[in-house]
Protein backbone atom coordinates (compact mmCIF):
# COMPACT_ATOMS: atom_id res chain seq x y z
CA MET A 1 -0.06 0.09 -0.01
CA SER A 2 1.44 3.63 -0.84
CA LYS A 3 0.56 5.92 1.71
CA LYS A 4 1.77 8.80 -0.88
CA LEU A 5 -1.26 7.77 -2.83
CA CYS A 6 -3.85 6.71 -0.04
CA LYS A 7 -6.20 8.70 0.99
CA GLN A 8 -7.53 6.64 3.44
CA CYS A 9 -11.12 6.08 2.39
CA ASN A 10 -10.67 2.94 3.57
CA LEU A 11 -12.92 1.51 0.42
CA CYS A 12 -10.76 -1.61 0.29
CA ILE A 13 -11.34 -2.56 3.92
CA LYS A 14 -15.15 -2.17 3.88
CA PHE A 15 -15.67 -4.22 0.57
CA CYS A 16 -12.71 -7.02 1.39
CA PRO A 17 -15.06 -9.94 1.95
CA ARG A 18 -12.81 -11.98 4.05
CA GLY A 19 -12.16 -9.16 6.64
CA VAL A 20 -8.56 -9.36 5.75
CA LEU A 21 -7.66 -5.31 6.42
CA LYS A 22 -7.62 -3.13 9.12
CA THR A 23 -6.48 0.22 9.89
CA ASP A 24 -3.21 1.16 11.38
CA ASN A 25 -2.92 3.63 14.37
CA LYS A 26 -2.43 6.36 11.65
CA GLY A 27 -5.47 5.39 9.77
CA PHE A 28 -3.81 3.69 6.93
CA PRO A 29 -4.94 -0.22 6.14
CA ILE A 30 -2.62 -2.86 6.39
CA ALA A 31 -3.24 -6.83 5.75
CA LYS A 32 -4.06 -7.56 9.65
CA HIS A 33 -4.87 -11.00 8.72
CA PRO A 34 -3.35 -11.96 5.30
CA GLU A 35 -3.82 -15.80 6.01
CA LYS A 36 -7.59 -15.31 5.44
CA CYS A 37 -6.77 -13.50 1.73
CA ASN A 38 -7.85 -15.61 -1.13
CA GLY A 39 -6.93 -13.01 -3.78
CA CYS A 40 -10.26 -12.19 -5.24
CA PHE A 41 -8.60 -8.58 -5.77
CA VAL A 42 -11.72 -6.73 -4.44
CA CYS A 43 -9.31 -4.48 -2.50
CA PHE A 44 -7.36 -3.51 -5.34
CA LEU A 45 -10.10 -3.03 -7.98
CA ARG A 46 -12.22 -0.80 -5.23
CA CYS A 47 -9.09 1.48 -4.62
CA PRO A 48 -9.68 4.76 -6.62
CA ASP A 49 -6.35 5.94 -5.83
CA PHE A 50 -4.93 2.67 -7.09
CA ALA A 51 -2.74 2.62 -3.54
CA LEU A 52 -2.87 -1.27 -3.22
CA GLU A 53 -0.54 -3.64 -4.35
CA VAL A 54 -1.55 -7.53 -4.26
CA ASN A 55 0.98 -9.97 -3.92
CA GLN A 56 -0.08 -13.69 -4.33
CA ASN A 57 1.37 -16.28 -2.34
CA ASP A 58 2.04 -19.94 -3.25
CA LYS A 59 0.25 -22.10 -0.84
């Protein structure tokens, strides 16, 4: 997540169907529960500022 691009709208958090993202102590989204991520890219697609980067890890 790019803090330079992120406007802290938290749409990524609101639309994540698995509850992966939460805010840090400064209000920026972080992957609090990355193990829950299924790689659906909803957070990435909903970000109006293109601030997110989604990494897919092999399981």
